[in-house]
Amino acid sequence: MNPYLDLVQQVARLRDTGRTLPFGGIPECPRIPIPITAPKALIFSPHPDDECIIAGLALRLLRESMWRVVNVAVTQGSRKERQAGRYAELEAACRHLQFDLVPTAPGGLEKINPKTRATDPVHWAACVDAIVGILLKHRPEVVLCPHELDWNSTHIGTHHLVIDALKRLPGDFSCHVVETEFWGQMPTPNLMVESSPQDVADMMAACSFHVGEVQRNPYHLSQTAWMQDNVRRGGELVGGQGGAAPDYLFATLYRLRRWQNGQLSQMYEGGRNLGAADSPTSLFT
């Protein structure tokens, strides 16, 4: 008798149970009193739903440190007939997590990818202008965006869009840049952030509001497995080769650097683990 069989079968049963859970329509999370003067973290999301998937650090900043989290909807997807519907789903997902929501343009920006950046400088410059305006208006302490190798062309395009916009800001502008991953793994993450079961459940619930997407592919149900695998990877990629993984159940991997004097610079040598008992603002001091 294989002693692991029951464990695997329990995981399979949980997957089946997950398929019976509702898409959206879930009561909003308890509201956190966010001061008007609170620091801001801006999430530049390539697509509606990215704000839920990579939200581990942002959600902790909101809930534990009372930061204001603003999700910037870079695009609303490439299918014109779905853009309005996807934005409505995005509004519900952000409302669930208490994230503010900012559009970039009616229907979102179009053709955000490396090819456009290389071959259509006029369109690209107009898109960069939109991001510059958002950054100047909100003056964030932290910017989250995909890393430059995140496989999906819109994710890679969003990385370059944000970096190009940062290069256009006044020389004295500075902020922390937190690069995220989903489609393509970062070869050099330097930060692993633990999430509580409550936070993970709330991110999954928020993702379920993206009904049109998760009905065809219930990827929100695999978020726990993805975050568990992040602990496996982060134990060595962040903690050091051969090191013991911290006793986290769920985590997200990031690369944290600082934008200063018109460029990205390292904040520390090696990597950092942010456990559930650690203050997320300690990353930025």
Protein backbone atom coordinates (compact mmCIF):
# COMPACT_ATOMS: atom_id res chain seq x y z
CA MET A 1 0.00 0.00 0.00
CA ASN A 2 1.46 3.35 -1.07
CA PRO A 3 1.16 5.67 1.97
CA TYR A 4 1.04 8.70 -0.35
CA LEU A 5 -2.01 7.53 -2.28
CA ASP A 6 -4.50 8.84 0.26
CA LEU A 7 -2.76 12.21 0.30
CA VAL A 8 -2.99 12.49 -3.49
CA GLN A 9 -6.60 11.37 -3.50
CA GLN A 10 -7.45 14.04 -0.90
CA VAL A 11 -5.90 16.68 -3.16
CA ALA A 12 -7.97 15.37 -6.08
CA ARG A 13 -11.14 15.54 -3.95
CA LEU A 14 -10.35 19.11 -2.98
CA ARG A 15 -10.02 20.00 -6.66
CA ASP A 16 -13.46 18.52 -7.30
CA THR A 17 -14.88 20.45 -4.35
CA GLY A 18 -13.34 23.65 -5.72
CA ARG A 19 -15.23 23.20 -8.98
CA THR A 20 -18.51 23.44 -7.06
CA LEU A 21 -17.68 26.82 -5.48
CA PRO A 22 -19.30 30.00 -6.83
CA PHE A 23 -17.82 32.37 -9.41
CA GLY A 24 -17.99 35.78 -7.78
CA GLY A 25 -20.98 36.84 -5.76
CA ILE A 26 -18.93 36.45 -2.58
CA PRO A 27 -19.31 39.07 0.20
CA GLU A 28 -16.58 41.70 0.22
CA CYS A 29 -13.67 41.30 2.60
CA PRO A 30 -13.83 43.39 5.79
CA ARG A 31 -12.89 47.00 5.06
CA ILE A 32 -9.59 48.37 6.38
CA PRO A 33 -9.59 52.09 7.32
CA ILE A 34 -7.04 53.55 4.89
CA PRO A 35 -5.84 57.08 5.78
CA ILE A 36 -6.04 59.70 3.04
CA THR A 37 -2.30 60.27 3.41
CA ALA A 38 -1.41 56.56 3.25
CA PRO A 39 1.52 55.51 1.05
CA LYS A 40 0.49 53.99 -2.26
CA ALA A 41 1.43 50.79 -4.02
CA LEU A 42 0.52 50.70 -7.72
CA ILE A 43 0.00 47.34 -9.43
CA PHE A 44 0.43 47.61 -13.21
CA SER A 45 -1.64 44.64 -14.36
CA PRO A 46 -1.19 43.45 -17.95
CA HIS A 47 -4.65 41.81 -17.91
CA PRO A 48 -7.67 41.78 -15.64
CA ASP A 49 -6.99 38.98 -13.10
CA ASP A 50 -3.24 39.59 -12.67
CA GLU A 51 -4.05 41.86 -9.72
CA CYS A 52 -5.46 38.82 -7.85
CA ILE A 53 -2.71 36.36 -8.71
CA ILE A 54 0.41 38.33 -7.70
CA ALA A 55 -1.25 40.26 -4.87
CA GLY A 56 0.46 38.61 -1.90
CA LEU A 57 2.70 41.55 -0.97
CA ALA A 58 0.20 44.25 -1.94
CA LEU A 59 -2.57 42.69 0.14
CA ARG A 60 -0.30 42.51 3.16
CA LEU A 61 0.69 46.17 2.74
CA LEU A 62 -3.00 47.10 2.73
CA ARG A 63 -4.09 44.88 5.61
CA GLU A 64 -1.10 45.06 7.92
CA SER A 65 0.28 48.54 7.19
CA MET A 66 -2.84 50.36 5.91
CA TRP A 67 -1.31 51.31 2.57
CA ARG A 68 -3.53 52.25 -0.34
CA VAL A 69 -3.26 49.72 -3.16
CA VAL A 70 -4.16 50.95 -6.65
CA ASN A 71 -4.56 48.51 -9.51
CA VAL A 72 -3.78 50.06 -12.89
CA ALA A 73 -5.62 48.22 -15.67
CA VAL A 74 -3.00 48.43 -18.41
CA THR A 75 -5.15 46.47 -20.87
CA GLN A 76 -8.62 44.98 -20.78
CA GLY A 77 -7.70 42.04 -22.96
CA SER A 78 -7.39 41.82 -26.73
CA ARG A 79 -10.96 40.73 -27.52
CA LYS A 80 -12.98 43.89 -28.14
CA GLU A 81 -16.29 42.20 -27.40
CA ARG A 82 -15.06 41.16 -23.93
CA GLN A 83 -13.34 44.37 -22.83
CA ALA A 84 -16.35 45.98 -21.16
CA GLY A 85 -17.27 42.71 -19.47
CA ARG A 86 -13.73 42.10 -18.29
CA TYR A 87 -13.55 45.59 -16.80
CA ALA A 88 -16.81 45.04 -14.91
CA GLU A 89 -15.39 41.77 -13.54
CA LEU A 90 -12.19 43.61 -12.63
CA GLU A 91 -14.15 46.24 -10.71
CA ALA A 92 -15.81 43.50 -8.67
CA ALA A 93 -12.50 41.71 -8.00
CA CYS A 94 -10.79 44.93 -6.87
CA ARG A 95 -13.76 45.85 -4.71
CA HIS A 96 -13.52 42.44 -3.04
CA LEU A 97 -9.86 43.03 -2.10
CA GLN A 98 -10.35 46.76 -1.37
CA PHE A 99 -8.00 47.76 -4.17
CA ASP A 100 -8.60 51.07 -5.91
CA LEU A 101 -8.86 50.77 -9.68
CA VAL A 102 -7.50 53.12 -12.34
CA PRO A 103 -8.05 52.63 -16.10
CA THR A 104 -5.35 53.65 -18.54
CA ALA A 105 -7.73 54.48 -21.40
CA PRO A 106 -11.28 53.64 -22.52
CA GLY A 107 -11.07 49.92 -23.26
CA GLY A 108 -7.49 49.83 -21.98
CA LEU A 109 -4.26 50.30 -23.90
CA GLU A 110 -3.79 48.28 -27.08
CA LYS A 111 -0.83 46.40 -28.53
CA ILE A 112 1.31 46.44 -25.40
CA ASN A 113 4.10 44.09 -26.47
CA PRO A 114 7.77 44.15 -27.49
CA LYS A 115 6.92 44.20 -31.21
CA THR A 116 4.93 47.42 -30.86
CA ARG A 117 7.72 48.98 -28.84
CA ALA A 118 10.20 48.16 -31.62
CA THR A 119 8.10 48.98 -34.69
CA ASP A 120 5.47 51.60 -33.73
CA PRO A 121 7.21 54.34 -31.74
CA VAL A 122 4.35 56.82 -32.07
CA HIS A 123 1.77 54.47 -30.54
CA TRP A 124 4.23 53.30 -27.90
CA ALA A 125 5.08 56.87 -26.89
CA ALA A 126 1.38 57.65 -26.41
CA CYS A 127 1.00 54.59 -24.18
CA VAL A 128 4.07 55.59 -22.16
CA ASP A 129 2.54 59.07 -21.74
CA ALA A 130 -0.54 57.49 -20.15
CA ILE A 131 1.61 55.65 -17.60
CA VAL A 132 3.71 58.75 -16.89
CA GLY A 133 0.52 60.65 -16.07
CA ILE A 134 -0.63 57.96 -13.64
CA LEU A 135 2.75 57.83 -11.90
CA LEU A 136 2.91 61.61 -11.54
CA LYS A 137 -0.64 61.76 -10.19
CA HIS A 138 -0.24 59.02 -7.59
CA ARG A 139 3.47 59.35 -6.66
CA PRO A 140 3.67 55.73 -5.42
CA GLU A 141 6.12 54.44 -2.88
CA VAL A 142 6.00 51.02 -4.56
CA VAL A 143 5.37 49.99 -8.16
CA LEU A 144 4.58 46.36 -9.04
CA CYS A 145 4.95 45.16 -12.63
CA PRO A 146 5.94 41.94 -14.44
CA HIS A 147 9.60 41.10 -14.94
CA GLU A 148 11.12 41.31 -18.40
CA LEU A 149 11.00 37.53 -19.06
CA ASP A 150 7.42 36.80 -18.01
CA TRP A 151 6.78 34.92 -21.31
CA ASN A 152 3.39 36.38 -22.24
CA SER A 153 3.96 39.21 -24.73
CA THR A 154 1.62 41.61 -22.90
CA HIS A 155 3.34 40.89 -19.59
CA ILE A 156 6.74 41.58 -21.15
CA GLY A 157 5.31 44.66 -22.86
CA THR A 158 3.92 45.94 -19.56
CA HIS A 159 7.37 45.60 -17.97
CA HIS A 160 8.95 47.77 -20.66
CA LEU A 161 6.03 50.19 -20.61
CA VAL A 162 6.48 50.88 -16.89
CA ILE A 163 10.28 51.12 -17.08
CA ASP A 164 10.08 53.46 -20.08
CA ALA A 165 7.62 55.62 -18.14
CA LEU A 166 9.90 55.73 -15.09
CA LYS A 167 12.72 56.93 -17.36
CA ARG A 168 10.53 59.85 -18.41
CA LEU A 169 9.96 61.10 -14.86
CA PRO A 170 11.97 63.90 -13.24
CA GLY A 171 15.43 62.86 -12.11
CA ASP A 172 14.57 63.26 -8.43
CA PHE A 173 11.68 60.77 -8.61
CA SER A 174 12.30 57.57 -6.69
CA CYS A 175 10.27 54.54 -5.68
CA HIS A 176 10.61 50.84 -5.00
CA VAL A 177 10.02 48.53 -7.95
CA VAL A 178 8.70 45.04 -7.23
CA GLU A 179 8.83 42.78 -10.27
CA THR A 180 6.32 39.95 -10.40
CA GLU A 181 6.11 36.60 -12.18
CA PHE A 182 3.34 34.35 -13.40
CA TRP A 183 3.80 32.95 -16.91
CA GLY A 184 7.58 32.89 -16.85
CA GLN A 185 9.71 32.24 -13.79
CA MET A 186 12.26 34.82 -12.72
CA PRO A 187 15.81 33.49 -12.77
CA THR A 188 16.85 35.93 -10.04
CA PRO A 189 14.07 36.62 -7.50
CA ASN A 190 15.37 38.18 -4.30
CA LEU A 191 12.23 38.24 -2.16
CA MET A 192 9.80 35.60 -0.95
CA VAL A 193 6.64 36.83 0.81
CA GLU A 194 4.55 34.46 2.90
CA SER A 195 0.76 34.67 2.68
CA SER A 196 -1.72 33.49 5.29
CA PRO A 197 -4.46 31.00 4.36
CA GLN A 198 -6.97 33.86 4.77
CA ASP A 199 -5.11 36.06 2.28
CA VAL A 200 -4.79 33.21 -0.21
CA ALA A 201 -8.49 32.39 0.08
CA ASP A 202 -9.37 36.04 -0.50
CA MET A 203 -7.13 36.23 -3.58
CA MET A 204 -8.75 33.08 -4.98
CA ALA A 205 -12.22 34.44 -4.25
CA ALA A 206 -11.35 37.73 -5.95
CA CYS A 207 -10.02 35.85 -8.97
CA SER A 208 -13.32 33.97 -9.20
CA PHE A 209 -15.02 37.29 -10.01
CA HIS A 210 -13.29 37.11 -13.40
CA VAL A 211 -16.11 34.80 -14.42
CA GLY A 212 -15.57 34.79 -18.16
CA GLU A 213 -11.98 33.66 -17.72
CA VAL A 214 -12.21 31.12 -14.91
CA GLN A 215 -15.29 29.42 -16.35
CA ARG A 216 -13.26 28.29 -19.35
CA ASN A 217 -10.14 27.56 -17.28
CA PRO A 218 -10.47 27.44 -13.47
CA TYR A 219 -6.90 28.55 -12.87
CA HIS A 220 -7.88 30.22 -9.61
CA LEU A 221 -8.16 26.72 -8.11
CA SER A 222 -4.48 26.05 -8.78
CA GLN A 223 -3.30 29.17 -6.95
CA THR A 224 -2.58 27.22 -3.76
CA ALA A 225 -0.40 24.72 -5.66
CA TRP A 226 1.45 27.56 -7.43
CA MET A 227 2.10 29.35 -4.14
CA GLN A 228 3.31 26.13 -2.51
CA ASP A 229 5.72 25.57 -5.37
CA ASN A 230 6.97 29.13 -4.87
CA VAL A 231 8.08 28.07 -1.39
CA ARG A 232 10.01 25.16 -2.89
CA ARG A 233 11.72 27.38 -5.46
CA GLY A 234 12.21 30.32 -3.14
CA GLY A 235 13.89 28.19 -0.51
CA GLU A 236 16.96 28.05 -2.75
CA LEU A 237 16.57 30.85 -5.31
CA VAL A 238 16.00 33.43 -2.56
CA GLY A 239 17.46 31.65 0.46
CA GLY A 240 20.57 30.34 -1.29
CA GLN A 241 21.46 27.11 -3.03
CA GLY A 242 21.37 24.19 -0.63
CA GLY A 243 19.53 26.20 2.01
CA ALA A 244 16.54 24.91 3.92
CA ALA A 245 13.17 26.28 2.81
CA PRO A 246 11.36 28.31 5.48
CA ASP A 247 8.30 26.68 7.00
CA TYR A 248 5.83 28.57 4.83
CA LEU A 249 2.75 26.99 3.28
CA PHE A 250 2.07 29.71 0.70
CA ALA A 251 4.33 32.39 -0.76
CA THR A 252 4.94 34.63 -3.77
CA LEU A 253 8.31 35.37 -5.33
CA TYR A 254 9.36 38.87 -6.34
CA ARG A 255 12.42 40.89 -7.29
CA LEU A 256 12.70 44.06 -5.23
CA ARG A 257 14.88 46.94 -6.41
CA ARG A 258 14.87 50.71 -6.11
CA TRP A 259 14.32 53.24 -8.86
CA GLN A 260 16.61 56.15 -8.17
CA ASN A 261 18.61 58.59 -10.29
CA GLY A 262 16.90 57.29 -13.41
CA GLN A 263 17.79 53.63 -13.00
CA LEU A 264 17.13 50.44 -11.06
CA SER A 265 19.57 49.55 -8.31
CA GLN A 266 19.91 46.66 -5.89
CA MET A 267 18.73 47.27 -2.34
CA TYR A 268 20.56 44.40 -0.67
CA GLU A 269 22.82 41.46 -1.37
CA GLY A 270 21.32 38.00 -1.57
CA GLY A 271 17.64 37.45 -0.81
CA ARG A 272 15.06 38.13 1.87
CA ASN A 273 12.16 36.13 3.24
CA LEU A 274 9.19 38.03 4.63
CA GLY A 275 7.36 35.75 7.04
CA ALA A 276 3.83 36.18 8.30
CA ALA A 277 5.07 37.74 11.54
CA ASP A 278 7.27 40.32 9.76
CA SER A 279 6.11 43.82 8.91
CA PRO A 280 5.89 44.29 5.13
CA THR A 281 7.04 47.92 5.46
CA SER A 282 10.37 46.63 6.79
CA LEU A 283 11.24 45.83 3.17
CA PHE A 284 11.38 49.51 2.29
CA THR A 285 13.39 50.95 5.17
